N, C-alpha and C. Protein backbone atom coordinates (compact mmCIF):
# COMPACT_ATOMS: atom_id res chain seq x y z
N MET A 1 30.31 9.90 11.80
CA MET A 1 29.93 10.27 10.61
C MET A 1 28.81 11.65 10.54
N GLN A 2 29.06 12.49 10.32
CA GLN A 2 28.00 13.67 9.66
C GLN A 2 28.14 13.78 8.46
N LEU A 3 26.75 13.46 7.74
CA LEU A 3 26.19 13.98 6.70
C LEU A 3 25.64 16.43 6.56
N SER A 4 26.47 15.78 5.97
CA SER A 4 25.78 17.27 5.85
C SER A 4 24.14 16.92 5.14
N LYS A 5 23.70 18.19 4.99
CA LYS A 5 22.40 18.89 4.38
C LYS A 5 22.25 19.07 3.37
N ARG A 6 23.03 18.71 2.50
CA ARG A 6 23.10 18.13 0.42
C ARG A 6 23.21 17.11 0.79
N ALA A 7 23.92 16.43 1.53
CA ALA A 7 23.75 14.77 0.87
C ALA A 7 22.66 14.10 1.96
N ILE A 8 21.82 14.67 2.42
CA ILE A 8 20.90 13.87 2.47
C ILE A 8 19.67 14.37 1.96
N VAL A 9 20.15 15.59 1.46
CA VAL A 9 18.74 15.73 0.53
C VAL A 9 18.73 14.69 -0.32
N LEU A 10 20.25 14.45 -0.74
CA LEU A 10 20.14 13.93 -2.17
C LEU A 10 19.90 12.56 -1.75
N MET A 11 20.57 11.84 -0.72
CA MET A 11 19.90 10.08 -0.35
C MET A 11 18.21 10.19 -0.37
N LEU A 12 17.88 10.97 0.16
CA LEU A 12 16.40 11.65 0.18
C LEU A 12 15.72 11.62 -1.39
N SER A 13 16.21 11.89 -1.72
CA SER A 13 15.59 12.65 -3.23
C SER A 13 15.60 10.83 -4.37
N ALA A 14 16.82 10.25 -4.29
CA ALA A 14 16.79 9.05 -5.11
C ALA A 14 16.15 7.79 -4.20
N LEU A 15 15.88 7.77 -2.90
CA LEU A 15 14.38 7.12 -1.88
C LEU A 15 13.23 7.10 -2.64
N LEU A 16 12.93 8.47 -2.84
CA LEU A 16 11.84 8.93 -3.64
C LEU A 16 11.73 8.51 -5.09
N THR A 17 12.43 9.16 -5.50
CA THR A 17 12.56 8.84 -6.84
C THR A 17 11.85 7.09 -7.59
N GLY A 18 12.25 6.48 -6.99
CA GLY A 18 11.39 4.70 -7.48
C GLY A 18 12.31 4.80 -8.41
N PRO A 19 12.62 4.22 -9.35
CA PRO A 19 13.01 3.23 -10.30
C PRO A 19 13.69 4.12 -11.20
N VAL A 20 15.04 3.44 -11.74
CA VAL A 20 15.80 4.74 -12.46
C VAL A 20 15.34 3.66 -14.04
N PHE A 21 15.46 4.47 -15.05
CA PHE A 21 15.40 4.48 -15.75
C PHE A 21 16.45 3.33 -16.37
N ALA A 22 17.19 2.38 -17.23
CA ALA A 22 17.80 1.79 -17.72
C ALA A 22 18.46 2.44 -18.86
N GLY A 23 20.48 2.70 -18.50
CA GLY A 23 21.22 2.93 -19.19
C GLY A 23 21.20 2.39 -19.95
N GLY A 24 20.32 1.11 -21.17
CA GLY A 24 20.19 0.96 -22.10
C GLY A 24 19.36 0.26 -22.66
N LYS A 25 18.86 -0.25 -23.77
CA LYS A 25 18.12 0.36 -24.59
C LYS A 25 17.43 -1.58 -24.14
N PRO A 26 15.54 -1.29 -24.57
CA PRO A 26 15.19 -2.35 -24.20
C PRO A 26 15.48 -3.37 -25.59
N GLU A 27 14.88 -4.58 -25.32
CA GLU A 27 15.43 -5.72 -25.95
C GLU A 27 14.37 -6.27 -27.21
N HIS A 28 13.37 -5.35 -26.32
CA HIS A 28 12.60 -5.96 -26.95
C HIS A 28 11.07 -5.19 -27.53
N GLY A 29 12.00 -3.72 -27.97
CA GLY A 29 10.86 -2.84 -28.11
C GLY A 29 10.10 -1.93 -27.00
N GLY A 30 10.39 -2.28 -26.20
CA GLY A 30 8.99 -1.74 -24.91
C GLY A 30 9.68 -0.74 -23.94
N GLN A 31 8.96 -0.85 -22.80
CA GLN A 31 9.20 0.38 -21.93
C GLN A 31 10.24 -0.30 -20.64
N LEU A 32 11.11 -0.12 -20.19
CA LEU A 32 12.58 -0.23 -19.49
C LEU A 32 13.19 0.43 -18.72
N VAL A 33 12.87 -0.41 -17.54
CA VAL A 33 13.06 0.08 -15.79
C VAL A 33 14.10 -1.00 -15.11
N ASP A 34 14.83 -1.26 -14.88
CA ASP A 34 16.14 -0.88 -13.69
C ASP A 34 15.23 -1.26 -12.11
N VAL A 35 15.01 -2.50 -12.31
CA VAL A 35 14.74 -2.24 -9.82
C VAL A 35 16.21 -3.01 -9.62
N GLN A 36 16.29 -2.35 -8.53
CA GLN A 36 17.41 -3.18 -7.58
C GLN A 36 18.45 -4.06 -8.98
N GLY A 37 19.01 -3.71 -10.16
CA GLY A 37 20.04 -4.40 -10.45
C GLY A 37 19.60 -5.24 -11.60
N HIS A 38 17.64 -5.27 -11.37
CA HIS A 38 16.72 -6.21 -12.35
C HIS A 38 16.19 -5.46 -13.56
N HIS A 39 16.58 -5.93 -13.92
CA HIS A 39 15.58 -5.38 -15.23
C HIS A 39 14.39 -5.85 -15.85
N PHE A 40 13.31 -4.32 -16.32
CA PHE A 40 11.80 -4.87 -16.08
C PHE A 40 11.90 -4.45 -17.21
N GLU A 41 10.79 -5.16 -18.29
CA GLU A 41 10.28 -4.72 -19.86
C GLU A 41 9.14 -5.20 -20.61
N LEU A 42 8.48 -3.72 -20.29
CA LEU A 42 6.35 -3.92 -20.76
C LEU A 42 6.98 -3.73 -22.56
N VAL A 43 6.48 -4.83 -23.45
CA VAL A 43 5.71 -4.55 -24.61
C VAL A 43 4.72 -4.69 -24.46
N VAL A 44 4.00 -3.45 -25.22
CA VAL A 44 2.44 -3.22 -25.15
C VAL A 44 1.97 -4.26 -26.56
N GLU A 45 1.11 -4.62 -26.95
CA GLU A 45 1.04 -4.82 -28.11
C GLU A 45 -0.93 -4.62 -27.97
N PRO A 46 -1.21 -4.25 -29.20
CA PRO A 46 -2.63 -4.02 -28.90
C PRO A 46 -3.49 -4.61 -29.82
N GLU A 47 -4.70 -5.03 -30.04
CA GLU A 47 -5.36 -6.17 -31.33
C GLU A 47 -6.48 -5.60 -31.33
N ALA A 48 -7.28 -6.66 -31.28
CA ALA A 48 -8.24 -5.98 -32.20
C ALA A 48 -9.68 -5.86 -30.62
N LYS A 49 -9.32 -7.00 -29.98
CA LYS A 49 -10.15 -6.71 -28.88
C LYS A 49 -9.90 -6.35 -27.32
N THR A 50 -8.59 -6.60 -27.48
CA THR A 50 -7.95 -7.14 -25.77
C THR A 50 -6.40 -6.17 -26.66
N THR A 51 -5.14 -6.01 -25.50
CA THR A 51 -3.97 -5.98 -24.92
C THR A 51 -3.59 -6.56 -24.79
N HIS A 52 -2.82 -7.33 -25.46
CA HIS A 52 -1.48 -7.74 -24.63
C HIS A 52 -0.43 -7.72 -24.16
N LEU A 53 0.09 -7.72 -23.27
CA LEU A 53 0.99 -7.26 -22.10
C LEU A 53 2.38 -8.74 -21.98
N ASP A 54 3.07 -7.76 -22.18
CA ASP A 54 4.10 -8.86 -22.16
C ASP A 54 5.79 -8.41 -21.09
N LEU A 55 5.99 -8.96 -20.19
CA LEU A 55 7.19 -8.47 -19.65
C LEU A 55 8.58 -9.46 -19.07
N PHE A 56 9.27 -8.66 -20.35
CA PHE A 56 10.36 -9.53 -19.88
C PHE A 56 10.90 -9.26 -18.39
N ILE A 57 12.11 -10.10 -18.03
CA ILE A 57 13.00 -9.90 -16.53
C ILE A 57 14.10 -10.49 -16.66
N SER A 58 14.75 -9.57 -16.56
CA SER A 58 15.79 -10.62 -16.46
C SER A 58 17.07 -9.82 -15.12
N ASP A 59 18.09 -10.63 -14.86
CA ASP A 59 18.58 -10.70 -13.19
C ASP A 59 20.11 -9.65 -13.45
N PRO A 60 20.87 -9.00 -12.50
CA PRO A 60 22.01 -8.36 -12.80
C PRO A 60 22.95 -8.63 -13.37
N GLU A 61 22.93 -9.86 -13.92
CA GLU A 61 24.10 -10.70 -14.62
C GLU A 61 22.73 -11.03 -16.03
N ASN A 62 22.25 -10.24 -15.62
CA ASN A 62 21.20 -10.66 -17.69
C ASN A 62 20.92 -11.73 -18.18
N GLN A 63 20.61 -12.30 -17.50
CA GLN A 63 19.70 -13.34 -17.47
C GLN A 63 18.21 -13.86 -17.41
N PRO A 64 17.36 -14.43 -18.34
CA PRO A 64 16.56 -14.34 -17.71
C PRO A 64 15.84 -14.75 -16.73
N VAL A 65 14.55 -13.98 -16.05
CA VAL A 65 14.36 -14.57 -14.78
C VAL A 65 13.06 -15.32 -15.09
N THR A 66 12.68 -17.12 -14.66
CA THR A 66 11.88 -17.72 -15.14
C THR A 66 10.97 -18.16 -14.15
N THR A 67 10.72 -17.66 -12.43
CA THR A 67 10.75 -18.56 -11.94
C THR A 67 10.26 -17.11 -10.23
N ALA A 68 10.07 -16.14 -11.43
CA ALA A 68 8.98 -15.08 -10.61
C ALA A 68 7.52 -15.05 -10.28
N THR A 69 7.18 -14.64 -9.55
CA THR A 69 5.52 -14.92 -9.54
C THR A 69 5.16 -12.79 -9.80
N VAL A 70 4.86 -12.81 -10.98
CA VAL A 70 4.29 -11.74 -10.91
C VAL A 70 2.48 -11.34 -11.41
N LYS A 71 2.37 -9.64 -11.23
CA LYS A 71 1.08 -9.66 -11.31
C LYS A 71 0.76 -8.21 -11.80
N LEU A 72 0.24 -7.93 -12.53
CA LEU A 72 -0.19 -6.48 -12.60
C LEU A 72 -1.31 -6.13 -12.63
N GLN A 73 -0.55 -4.23 -11.39
CA GLN A 73 -2.14 -3.46 -10.50
C GLN A 73 -1.72 -2.55 -11.80
N ILE A 74 -3.23 -3.02 -12.55
CA ILE A 74 -3.27 -2.06 -13.97
C ILE A 74 -4.54 -0.63 -13.09
N THR A 75 -4.33 0.92 -13.69
CA THR A 75 -4.85 1.97 -13.64
C THR A 75 -5.56 2.43 -15.25
N ASP A 76 -6.86 1.99 -15.22
CA ASP A 76 -7.26 2.04 -16.47
C ASP A 76 -7.45 3.84 -16.63
N PRO A 77 -8.13 4.41 -17.87
CA PRO A 77 -7.80 6.45 -17.79
C PRO A 77 -9.68 6.00 -17.28
N SER A 78 -9.83 5.65 -16.84
CA SER A 78 -11.49 6.15 -15.76
C SER A 78 -11.07 6.12 -14.39
N GLY A 79 -10.03 5.63 -14.04
CA GLY A 79 -8.75 5.29 -12.62
C GLY A 79 -8.80 4.17 -12.25
N GLN A 80 -10.74 3.47 -12.97
CA GLN A 80 -10.86 1.52 -12.11
C GLN A 80 -9.55 1.09 -11.97
N LYS A 81 -8.79 0.51 -11.00
CA LYS A 81 -7.83 -0.51 -11.25
C LYS A 81 -8.27 -1.83 -11.16
N SER A 82 -7.30 -2.24 -11.19
CA SER A 82 -7.46 -3.93 -11.79
C SER A 82 -6.17 -5.01 -11.30
N SER A 83 -6.44 -6.18 -11.42
CA SER A 83 -5.23 -6.99 -11.11
C SER A 83 -4.99 -7.93 -12.21
N LEU A 84 -3.93 -8.23 -12.84
CA LEU A 84 -3.74 -9.63 -13.47
C LEU A 84 -2.18 -10.00 -13.16
N PRO A 85 -2.76 -11.67 -13.50
CA PRO A 85 -1.58 -11.61 -12.91
C PRO A 85 -1.71 -12.34 -14.33
N LEU A 86 0.46 -12.61 -14.04
CA LEU A 86 1.23 -12.81 -15.87
C LEU A 86 1.67 -14.12 -15.31
N LYS A 87 2.16 -14.80 -16.09
CA LYS A 87 2.22 -16.85 -16.48
C LYS A 87 3.72 -15.99 -17.27
N TYR A 88 4.65 -17.74 -17.06
CA TYR A 88 5.48 -17.36 -17.56
C TYR A 88 5.20 -18.06 -19.10
N GLU A 89 5.61 -17.58 -20.59
CA GLU A 89 5.80 -18.74 -21.66
C GLU A 89 6.65 -18.00 -22.58
N GLY A 90 8.09 -19.27 -22.64
CA GLY A 90 8.60 -19.40 -22.97
C GLY A 90 9.18 -18.06 -23.01
N ASN A 91 10.17 -16.76 -23.00
CA ASN A 91 11.38 -16.41 -22.58
C ASN A 91 10.35 -15.23 -21.80
N HIS A 92 9.24 -15.42 -21.82
CA HIS A 92 8.56 -13.87 -20.67
C HIS A 92 7.81 -13.95 -19.96
N TYR A 93 6.80 -13.04 -18.98
CA TYR A 93 5.96 -13.29 -18.44
C TYR A 93 4.70 -12.39 -19.74
N THR A 94 3.25 -13.25 -19.42
CA THR A 94 2.42 -13.07 -20.23
C THR A 94 0.80 -12.80 -19.59
N ALA A 95 0.26 -12.26 -20.45
CA ALA A 95 -0.97 -11.81 -20.07
C ALA A 95 -2.20 -11.23 -21.09
N VAL A 96 -3.53 -11.08 -21.23
CA VAL A 96 -4.71 -10.62 -21.83
C VAL A 96 -4.83 -9.35 -21.31
N LEU A 97 -5.09 -8.39 -21.67
CA LEU A 97 -6.06 -7.36 -20.78
C LEU A 97 -7.57 -7.17 -21.98
N SER A 98 -8.44 -7.29 -21.08
CA SER A 98 -9.79 -7.56 -22.04
C SER A 98 -10.61 -6.13 -22.48
N ALA A 99 -10.96 -6.14 -23.69
CA ALA A 99 -12.01 -4.79 -23.66
C ALA A 99 -11.28 -3.77 -22.36
N PRO A 100 -10.26 -3.24 -23.52
CA PRO A 100 -9.60 -2.02 -22.81
C PRO A 100 -10.31 -0.36 -23.24
N VAL A 101 -10.73 0.21 -23.30
CA VAL A 101 -10.52 1.59 -23.58
C VAL A 101 -9.32 2.25 -23.85
N LYS A 102 -9.73 3.58 -24.51
CA LYS A 102 -8.86 4.31 -25.45
C LYS A 102 -8.64 5.12 -24.35
N GLY A 103 -7.48 5.59 -23.80
CA GLY A 103 -6.68 6.56 -22.92
C GLY A 103 -5.05 6.36 -22.34
N GLU A 104 -5.11 6.13 -21.13
CA GLU A 104 -3.48 6.42 -20.51
C GLU A 104 -3.82 5.48 -19.14
N TYR A 105 -3.25 4.63 -19.77
CA TYR A 105 -2.44 3.62 -18.75
C TYR A 105 -1.68 3.41 -17.66
N ARG A 106 -1.71 2.96 -16.47
CA ARG A 106 -0.69 3.12 -15.56
C ARG A 106 -0.83 1.26 -14.52
N VAL A 107 0.41 1.71 -14.66
CA VAL A 107 1.00 -0.02 -14.43
C VAL A 107 2.11 -0.36 -13.51
N VAL A 108 1.76 -0.99 -12.76
CA VAL A 108 2.89 -1.82 -11.89
C VAL A 108 2.94 -3.45 -11.65
N ALA A 109 4.25 -3.52 -12.11
CA ALA A 109 4.58 -5.01 -12.05
C ALA A 109 4.90 -4.99 -10.82
N LEU A 110 4.13 -6.05 -9.86
CA LEU A 110 4.67 -7.12 -8.91
C LEU A 110 5.40 -7.97 -9.23
N ALA A 111 6.69 -7.78 -8.17
CA ALA A 111 7.26 -9.40 -9.12
C ALA A 111 8.26 -10.09 -7.65
N THR A 112 8.11 -11.36 -7.07
CA THR A 112 8.30 -11.45 -6.48
C THR A 112 9.62 -12.80 -6.68
N ILE A 113 10.68 -12.08 -6.57
CA ILE A 113 12.25 -13.19 -6.76
C ILE A 113 12.76 -13.84 -6.43
N SER A 114 13.27 -15.40 -6.05
CA SER A 114 13.68 -16.01 -4.99
C SER A 114 13.40 -15.02 -3.38
N GLY A 115 11.95 -14.77 -2.73
CA GLY A 115 11.57 -14.01 -2.54
C GLY A 115 11.74 -13.40 -2.07
N LYS A 116 12.24 -12.11 -3.10
CA LYS A 116 12.83 -10.82 -2.81
C LYS A 116 11.46 -9.86 -3.23
N LYS A 117 10.20 -8.98 -2.77
CA LYS A 117 9.45 -8.24 -3.91
C LYS A 117 10.24 -7.10 -4.49
N LEU A 118 10.18 -6.78 -6.17
CA LEU A 118 10.38 -6.25 -6.40
C LEU A 118 9.46 -5.25 -7.27
N ASN A 119 8.91 -3.91 -7.52
CA ASN A 119 8.60 -3.33 -8.39
C ASN A 119 9.02 -1.99 -9.70
N SER A 120 7.93 -2.11 -10.39
CA SER A 120 8.56 -1.48 -11.49
C SER A 120 6.65 -0.96 -11.86
N ARG A 121 7.34 0.27 -12.34
CA ARG A 121 5.85 1.59 -13.04
C ARG A 121 6.77 1.54 -14.44
N PHE A 122 5.26 1.42 -15.07
CA PHE A 122 5.67 1.61 -16.20
C PHE A 122 3.39 2.53 -17.24
N ASN A 123 3.86 3.24 -17.48
CA ASN A 123 2.49 3.85 -18.37
C ASN A 123 2.85 3.38 -19.62
N PHE A 124 1.41 3.98 -20.23
CA PHE A 124 0.73 3.21 -21.63
C PHE A 124 -0.15 3.78 -22.69
N LYS A 125 -0.45 4.34 -23.49
CA LYS A 125 -1.23 5.18 -23.84
C LYS A 125 -1.46 4.55 -25.32
N LEU A 126 -3.23 3.75 -25.36
CA LEU A 126 -4.24 3.16 -26.90
C LEU A 126 -4.86 4.31 -27.04
């Protein structure tokens, strides 16, 4: 089977663009990203001296993922990088960002779900 140049360009574009935004609405008011059928929703809640980060993960059947290992790789407005492990509480994964500064943050959520490594990308501004 021979592929046209256009088909090859389209396939490479799809591979290089990363995760696709979900077609549905976020259930918890956050940013929603689909990665290989899994839904990742990041909710950012600024507080007085910290910022609460909640990550909701559901599988392709829209069931909550409760047994993942998850950490966030965070790049703050100054470019400083840090890693923040999340723990499962209730129906989501959670962590607290201490002493955040104002500006744009970039976040990569790294999740291992049933041995499969998935990552999703988010950004938020404080």
